[in-house]
């Protein structure tokens, strides 16, 4: 087997996107999104007898001795895409890929194994992560918590309007909500206006992205970004105006999108990863009927990486 690191211009793009299918994080569009953050999409491919049998998409940042690899950035999910390979062979192939990445002289390498396709060697350390997954396929699904249901029904009476986000019209108000989020949490999100503009350009033609703008009497209330990952929808980012929190839009929007997505075939709502120690966030997610789902993040640091 031959393992290669390929940049976008040399990668088998059509094959990768075919294998990625309905998994947005594995798509070449998602990889290229990080060019707006000075990242470079790269693809670790496995070839056997001249055919590509597996691909691990990721993004590199930095140059020279400070190159970093992530599959995918900021905790987004990476996975190895397998092509015509026996199930019993997948762990071996995955191990060969991660072993080769460890030899690439990255200062740091991270792989978020939500889909559990990655087998890492002893060179990698492991972080455990937990998200809460809600089963939404039942036609009569509602959150089991009575207070949460009351808040959603209250929002239904407030005449909130949901529409598809249009960057040409809505980007300024969105960035205001984003800035309010940073100010409220006293932390920089790390995402730039250019990043969101690039994401909006992809969303205009990619059904795996559902970006929703919520207003009340023409006033922006909240903005929500959902990604499709297989048969699940992930509530990835949410920004809102705290002065209008009494309208309960932050509960109403994910409920409505979950119901709409279930009609189209989604079976799970992923409420996303909570910050470490955020017991309140986990308590809230359990109100939706969320069940914990555990997965690993593997990471490797060179000697230089350990010093930085």
Protein backbone atom coordinates (compact mmCIF):
# COMPACT_ATOMS: atom_id res chain seq x y z
CA UNK A 1 0.00 0.00 0.00
CA UNK A 2 1.19 3.50 -0.88
CA UNK A 3 0.24 6.43 1.34
CA UNK A 4 0.38 9.92 -0.15
CA UNK A 5 -0.23 13.46 1.06
CA UNK A 6 -2.07 15.33 -1.69
CA UNK A 7 -3.03 18.96 -1.88
CA UNK A 8 -6.33 19.99 -3.46
CA UNK A 9 -4.92 20.48 -6.96
CA UNK A 10 -3.64 16.87 -7.06
CA UNK A 11 -6.40 15.09 -5.11
CA UNK A 12 -9.12 12.89 -6.67
CA UNK A 13 -11.83 15.44 -5.89
CA UNK A 14 -14.75 13.66 -7.56
CA UNK A 15 -13.97 10.41 -5.75
CA UNK A 16 -13.61 12.17 -2.39
CA UNK A 17 -16.92 13.97 -2.73
CA UNK A 18 -18.62 10.78 -3.89
CA UNK A 19 -17.32 8.92 -0.83
CA UNK A 20 -18.22 11.85 1.46
CA UNK A 21 -21.80 11.85 0.22
CA UNK A 22 -24.05 13.44 2.82
CA UNK A 23 -21.23 14.01 5.33
CA UNK A 24 -20.45 17.72 5.00
CA UNK A 25 -17.32 17.73 7.17
CA UNK A 26 -15.69 15.18 4.83
CA UNK A 27 -16.45 17.15 1.67
CA UNK A 28 -13.89 19.08 -0.32
CA UNK A 29 -16.12 22.16 0.06
CA UNK A 30 -15.62 22.07 3.82
CA UNK A 31 -11.87 21.63 3.43
CA UNK A 32 -11.61 24.60 1.10
CA UNK A 33 -13.67 26.72 3.50
CA UNK A 34 -10.59 26.95 5.73
CA UNK A 35 -8.64 28.73 3.02
CA UNK A 36 -10.45 31.81 4.37
CA UNK A 37 -8.56 31.16 7.64
CA UNK A 38 -5.20 30.60 5.90
CA UNK A 39 -5.60 26.84 5.93
CA UNK A 40 -4.78 24.39 3.13
CA UNK A 41 -6.98 21.36 2.46
CA UNK A 42 -4.93 18.17 2.21
CA UNK A 43 -5.87 14.55 1.64
CA UNK A 44 -3.99 11.56 2.98
CA UNK A 45 -4.73 8.84 0.45
CA UNK A 46 -4.07 5.12 0.46
CA UNK A 47 -3.41 3.47 -2.90
CA UNK A 48 -3.44 -0.25 -3.59
CA UNK A 49 -2.56 -1.52 -7.07
CA UNK A 50 -3.02 1.98 -8.46
CA UNK A 51 -6.48 2.52 -6.98
CA UNK A 52 -7.38 4.85 -4.09
CA UNK A 53 -8.82 2.68 -1.33
CA UNK A 54 -9.02 5.23 1.51
CA UNK A 55 -8.81 8.99 2.09
CA UNK A 56 -8.45 11.04 5.27
CA UNK A 57 -9.38 14.69 4.50
CA UNK A 58 -7.87 17.40 6.66
CA UNK A 59 -6.51 20.93 6.78
CA UNK A 60 -2.97 22.18 7.35
CA UNK A 61 -2.04 25.47 8.95
CA UNK A 62 1.36 27.12 9.16
CA UNK A 63 4.52 26.53 7.19
CA UNK A 64 7.83 24.71 7.50
CA UNK A 65 8.60 23.48 11.00
CA UNK A 66 5.36 24.96 12.31
CA UNK A 67 2.95 23.01 10.08
CA UNK A 68 -0.13 21.70 11.89
CA UNK A 69 -2.64 19.13 10.67
CA UNK A 70 -6.27 18.85 11.74
CA UNK A 71 -9.02 16.48 10.66
CA UNK A 72 -10.99 18.59 10.96
CA UNK A 73 -10.37 22.08 12.45
CA UNK A 74 -11.92 23.32 15.69
CA UNK A 75 -13.23 19.94 16.76
CA UNK A 76 -15.20 19.36 13.56
CA UNK A 77 -15.44 15.72 12.63
CA UNK A 78 -12.88 13.94 10.52
CA UNK A 79 -13.16 10.43 9.18
CA UNK A 80 -11.38 8.05 6.88
CA UNK A 81 -13.40 7.51 3.72
CA UNK A 82 -13.03 3.93 2.57
CA UNK A 83 -13.43 2.83 -1.04
CA UNK A 84 -14.04 -0.84 -1.87
CA UNK A 85 -12.22 -2.28 1.10
CA UNK A 86 -13.17 -5.20 3.33
CA UNK A 87 -14.45 -4.29 6.77
CA UNK A 88 -11.78 -6.44 8.42
CA UNK A 89 -9.02 -4.47 6.64
CA UNK A 90 -10.17 -1.01 7.74
CA UNK A 91 -8.39 -0.87 11.15
CA UNK A 92 -5.10 -1.89 9.52
CA UNK A 93 -5.41 0.75 6.81
CA UNK A 94 -6.40 3.41 9.35
CA UNK A 95 -3.38 2.57 11.50
CA UNK A 96 -1.05 2.90 8.51
CA UNK A 97 -2.47 6.35 7.73
CA UNK A 98 -2.08 7.71 11.26
CA UNK A 99 1.41 6.21 11.55
CA UNK A 100 2.42 7.98 8.34
CA UNK A 101 0.97 11.28 9.56
CA UNK A 102 3.06 11.00 12.74
CA UNK A 103 6.17 10.79 10.54
CA UNK A 104 5.30 13.90 8.55
CA UNK A 105 7.06 16.22 11.01
CA UNK A 106 3.94 18.16 11.84
CA UNK A 107 4.44 20.21 14.95
CA UNK A 108 0.95 19.10 15.95
CA UNK A 109 -1.66 16.77 14.47
CA UNK A 110 -5.26 16.38 15.64
CA UNK A 111 -7.93 13.93 14.47
CA UNK A 112 -11.49 14.05 15.80
CA UNK A 113 -12.88 10.53 15.47
CA UNK A 114 -16.63 11.05 15.87
CA UNK A 115 -17.40 8.43 13.22
CA UNK A 116 -14.93 5.96 14.74
CA UNK A 117 -12.99 5.19 11.59
CA UNK A 118 -9.54 6.12 12.94
CA UNK A 119 -7.08 3.72 14.55
CA UNK A 120 -4.15 5.59 16.07
CA UNK A 121 -0.83 4.22 17.25
CA UNK A 122 0.74 4.65 20.68
CA UNK A 123 2.39 7.83 19.41
CA UNK A 124 -0.93 9.60 19.83
CA UNK A 125 -2.56 10.82 23.02
CA UNK A 126 -6.31 10.68 23.45
CA UNK A 127 -8.95 13.14 24.67
CA UNK A 128 -12.43 11.86 25.40
CA UNK A 129 -15.38 13.95 24.19
CA UNK A 130 -19.12 13.60 24.74
CA UNK A 131 -22.00 15.07 22.79
CA UNK A 132 -25.73 14.60 23.27
CA UNK A 133 -27.69 13.04 20.43
CA UNK A 134 -31.48 13.31 20.17
CA UNK A 135 -33.59 10.77 18.27
CA UNK A 136 -36.03 12.84 16.18
CA UNK A 137 -37.46 10.40 13.62
CA UNK A 138 -40.79 9.75 15.41
CA UNK A 139 -43.63 11.69 13.79
CA UNK A 140 -44.83 12.93 17.19
CA UNK A 141 -41.37 13.78 18.55
CA UNK A 142 -41.11 16.61 21.05
CA UNK A 143 -38.53 17.31 23.76
CA UNK A 144 -39.48 15.33 26.88
CA UNK A 145 -38.97 18.27 29.25
CA UNK A 146 -42.29 20.04 29.89
CA UNK A 147 -40.75 23.47 30.55
CA UNK A 148 -38.78 23.32 27.30
CA UNK A 149 -41.96 22.42 25.43
CA UNK A 150 -43.72 25.38 27.04
CA UNK A 151 -40.92 27.70 25.90
CA UNK A 152 -41.17 26.37 22.35
CA UNK A 153 -44.95 26.80 22.30
CA UNK A 154 -44.55 30.34 23.66
CA UNK A 155 -42.21 31.11 20.77
CA UNK A 156 -44.81 29.74 18.34
CA UNK A 157 -47.21 32.44 19.56
CA UNK A 158 -44.64 35.22 19.07
CA UNK A 159 -44.89 35.15 15.26
CA UNK A 160 -41.19 34.56 14.76
CA UNK A 161 -40.15 34.44 11.12
CA UNK A 162 -37.59 31.92 9.86
CA UNK A 163 -35.88 32.35 6.51
CA UNK A 164 -32.78 31.22 4.67
CA UNK A 165 -29.74 33.34 5.41
CA UNK A 166 -28.62 35.53 2.52
CA UNK A 167 -25.13 36.94 3.02
CA UNK A 168 -25.62 39.76 0.50
CA UNK A 169 -28.46 41.12 2.61
CA UNK A 170 -27.91 39.79 6.13
CA UNK A 171 -24.15 39.62 6.74
CA UNK A 172 -23.90 42.93 8.65
CA UNK A 173 -26.65 42.04 11.09
CA UNK A 174 -25.18 38.57 11.48
CA UNK A 175 -21.78 39.96 12.40
CA UNK A 176 -23.49 42.16 14.99
CA UNK A 177 -25.01 39.04 16.58
CA UNK A 178 -21.60 37.38 16.37
CA UNK A 179 -19.94 40.34 18.10
CA UNK A 180 -22.60 40.34 20.82
CA UNK A 181 -21.78 36.67 21.40
CA UNK A 182 -18.08 37.46 21.82
CA UNK A 183 -18.82 40.34 24.17
CA UNK A 184 -21.25 38.29 26.26
CA UNK A 185 -18.82 35.39 26.65
CA UNK A 186 -15.73 37.62 26.86
CA UNK A 187 -13.90 35.42 24.38
CA UNK A 188 -13.05 35.59 20.70
CA UNK A 189 -14.83 32.97 18.61
CA UNK A 190 -11.91 32.68 16.20
CA UNK A 191 -14.14 32.98 13.14
CA UNK A 192 -13.85 36.00 10.86
CA UNK A 193 -16.26 37.82 8.59
CA UNK A 194 -14.40 36.36 5.60
CA UNK A 195 -14.94 32.84 7.00
CA UNK A 196 -18.70 33.35 7.33
CA UNK A 197 -18.93 34.96 3.89
CA UNK A 198 -17.16 31.92 2.43
CA UNK A 199 -19.49 29.58 4.30
CA UNK A 200 -22.53 31.50 3.05
CA UNK A 201 -21.27 31.16 -0.53
CA UNK A 202 -21.11 27.39 -0.09
CA UNK A 203 -24.50 27.30 1.64
CA UNK A 204 -26.15 28.97 -1.34
CA UNK A 205 -25.78 25.72 -3.31
CA UNK A 206 -25.05 23.01 -0.73
CA UNK A 207 -28.08 21.35 0.86
CA UNK A 208 -25.89 19.96 3.65
CA UNK A 209 -25.83 23.46 5.16
CA UNK A 210 -29.00 24.96 6.62
CA UNK A 211 -28.35 28.55 7.76
CA UNK A 212 -31.45 30.09 9.33
CA UNK A 213 -32.18 33.72 10.12
CA UNK A 214 -34.85 34.37 12.75
CA UNK A 215 -36.59 37.75 13.07
CA UNK A 216 -39.40 39.32 15.05
CA UNK A 217 -41.20 42.29 13.53
CA UNK A 218 -38.25 42.69 11.12
CA UNK A 219 -35.73 42.79 13.98
CA UNK A 220 -32.95 40.16 13.91
CA UNK A 221 -33.33 37.81 16.85
CA UNK A 222 -30.94 34.94 16.17
CA UNK A 223 -28.95 33.13 13.49
CA UNK A 224 -28.41 29.36 13.46
CA UNK A 225 -26.12 27.18 11.36
CA UNK A 226 -26.90 23.49 10.93
CA UNK A 227 -24.76 20.93 9.10
CA UNK A 228 -25.82 17.54 7.79
CA UNK A 229 -23.59 14.63 8.78
CA UNK A 230 -25.02 11.46 7.32
CA UNK A 231 -28.46 10.87 8.80
CA UNK A 232 -27.91 13.50 11.51
CA UNK A 233 -28.16 17.26 11.70
CA UNK A 234 -25.67 19.14 13.84
CA UNK A 235 -26.62 22.44 15.47
CA UNK A 236 -23.15 23.86 14.85
CA UNK A 237 -23.31 27.56 15.72
CA UNK A 238 -25.90 29.90 17.18
CA UNK A 239 -25.75 33.66 17.72
CA UNK A 240 -28.54 35.72 19.24
CA UNK A 241 -29.57 39.07 20.67
CA UNK A 242 -29.81 38.63 24.43
CA UNK A 243 -32.30 41.52 24.68
CA UNK A 244 -34.77 39.37 22.76
CA UNK A 245 -34.12 36.11 24.60
CA UNK A 246 -37.65 36.24 26.08
CA UNK A 247 -38.93 35.27 22.61
CA UNK A 248 -37.34 31.81 23.09
CA UNK A 249 -35.97 31.70 19.54
CA UNK A 250 -32.95 29.66 20.62
CA UNK A 251 -35.32 26.80 21.50
CA UNK A 252 -37.85 27.34 18.74
CA UNK A 253 -35.43 27.31 15.80
CA UNK A 254 -33.66 23.98 16.52
CA UNK A 255 -37.04 22.39 17.25
CA UNK A 256 -38.47 23.53 13.93
CA UNK A 257 -35.37 22.54 11.97
CA UNK A 258 -35.32 19.13 13.67
CA UNK A 259 -38.94 18.52 12.68
CA UNK A 260 -38.36 19.68 9.10
CA UNK A 261 -35.18 17.63 8.79
CA UNK A 262 -36.89 14.50 10.13
CA UNK A 263 -39.46 14.74 7.33
CA UNK A 264 -36.53 14.72 4.87
CA UNK A 265 -34.97 11.63 6.46
CA UNK A 266 -32.81 12.85 9.35
CA UNK A 267 -33.04 10.58 12.39
CA UNK A 268 -30.83 12.40 14.90
CA UNK A 269 -30.20 15.92 16.17
CA UNK A 270 -26.64 16.49 17.38
CA UNK A 271 -26.59 19.28 19.96
CA UNK A 272 -22.83 19.75 19.68
CA UNK A 273 -19.89 19.67 22.04
CA UNK A 274 -20.13 21.69 25.25
CA UNK A 275 -17.11 23.48 26.70
CA UNK A 276 -15.24 21.56 29.37
CA UNK A 277 -16.95 21.88 32.75
CA UNK A 278 -20.19 23.27 31.29
CA UNK A 279 -22.55 21.19 33.40
CA UNK A 280 -25.38 23.65 32.76
CA UNK A 281 -25.12 23.12 29.00
CA UNK A 282 -25.23 19.35 29.42
CA UNK A 283 -28.26 19.63 31.71
CA UNK A 284 -30.01 21.71 29.06
CA UNK A 285 -29.21 19.23 26.29
CA UNK A 286 -30.67 16.39 28.33
CA UNK A 287 -33.94 18.33 28.36
CA UNK A 288 -34.13 17.73 24.63
CA UNK A 289 -33.95 14.00 25.23
CA UNK A 290 -30.28 13.89 24.35
CA UNK A 291 -28.36 10.71 25.06
CA UNK A 292 -24.57 10.88 25.58
CA UNK A 293 -22.35 9.74 22.74
CA UNK A 294 -18.62 9.34 23.43
CA UNK A 295 -15.80 9.58 20.94
CA UNK A 296 -12.04 10.20 20.85
CA UNK A 297 -9.85 13.01 19.66
CA UNK A 298 -6.36 11.76 18.88
CA UNK A 299 -3.46 14.18 18.94
CA UNK A 300 0.25 14.05 18.31
CA UNK A 301 2.82 16.70 19.22
CA UNK A 302 6.44 16.82 18.21
CA UNK A 303 9.03 18.00 20.72
CA UNK A 304 8.64 21.52 19.34
CA UNK A 305 4.87 21.18 19.57
CA UNK A 306 5.11 20.23 23.25
CA UNK A 307 7.14 23.35 23.94
CA UNK A 308 4.68 25.70 22.28
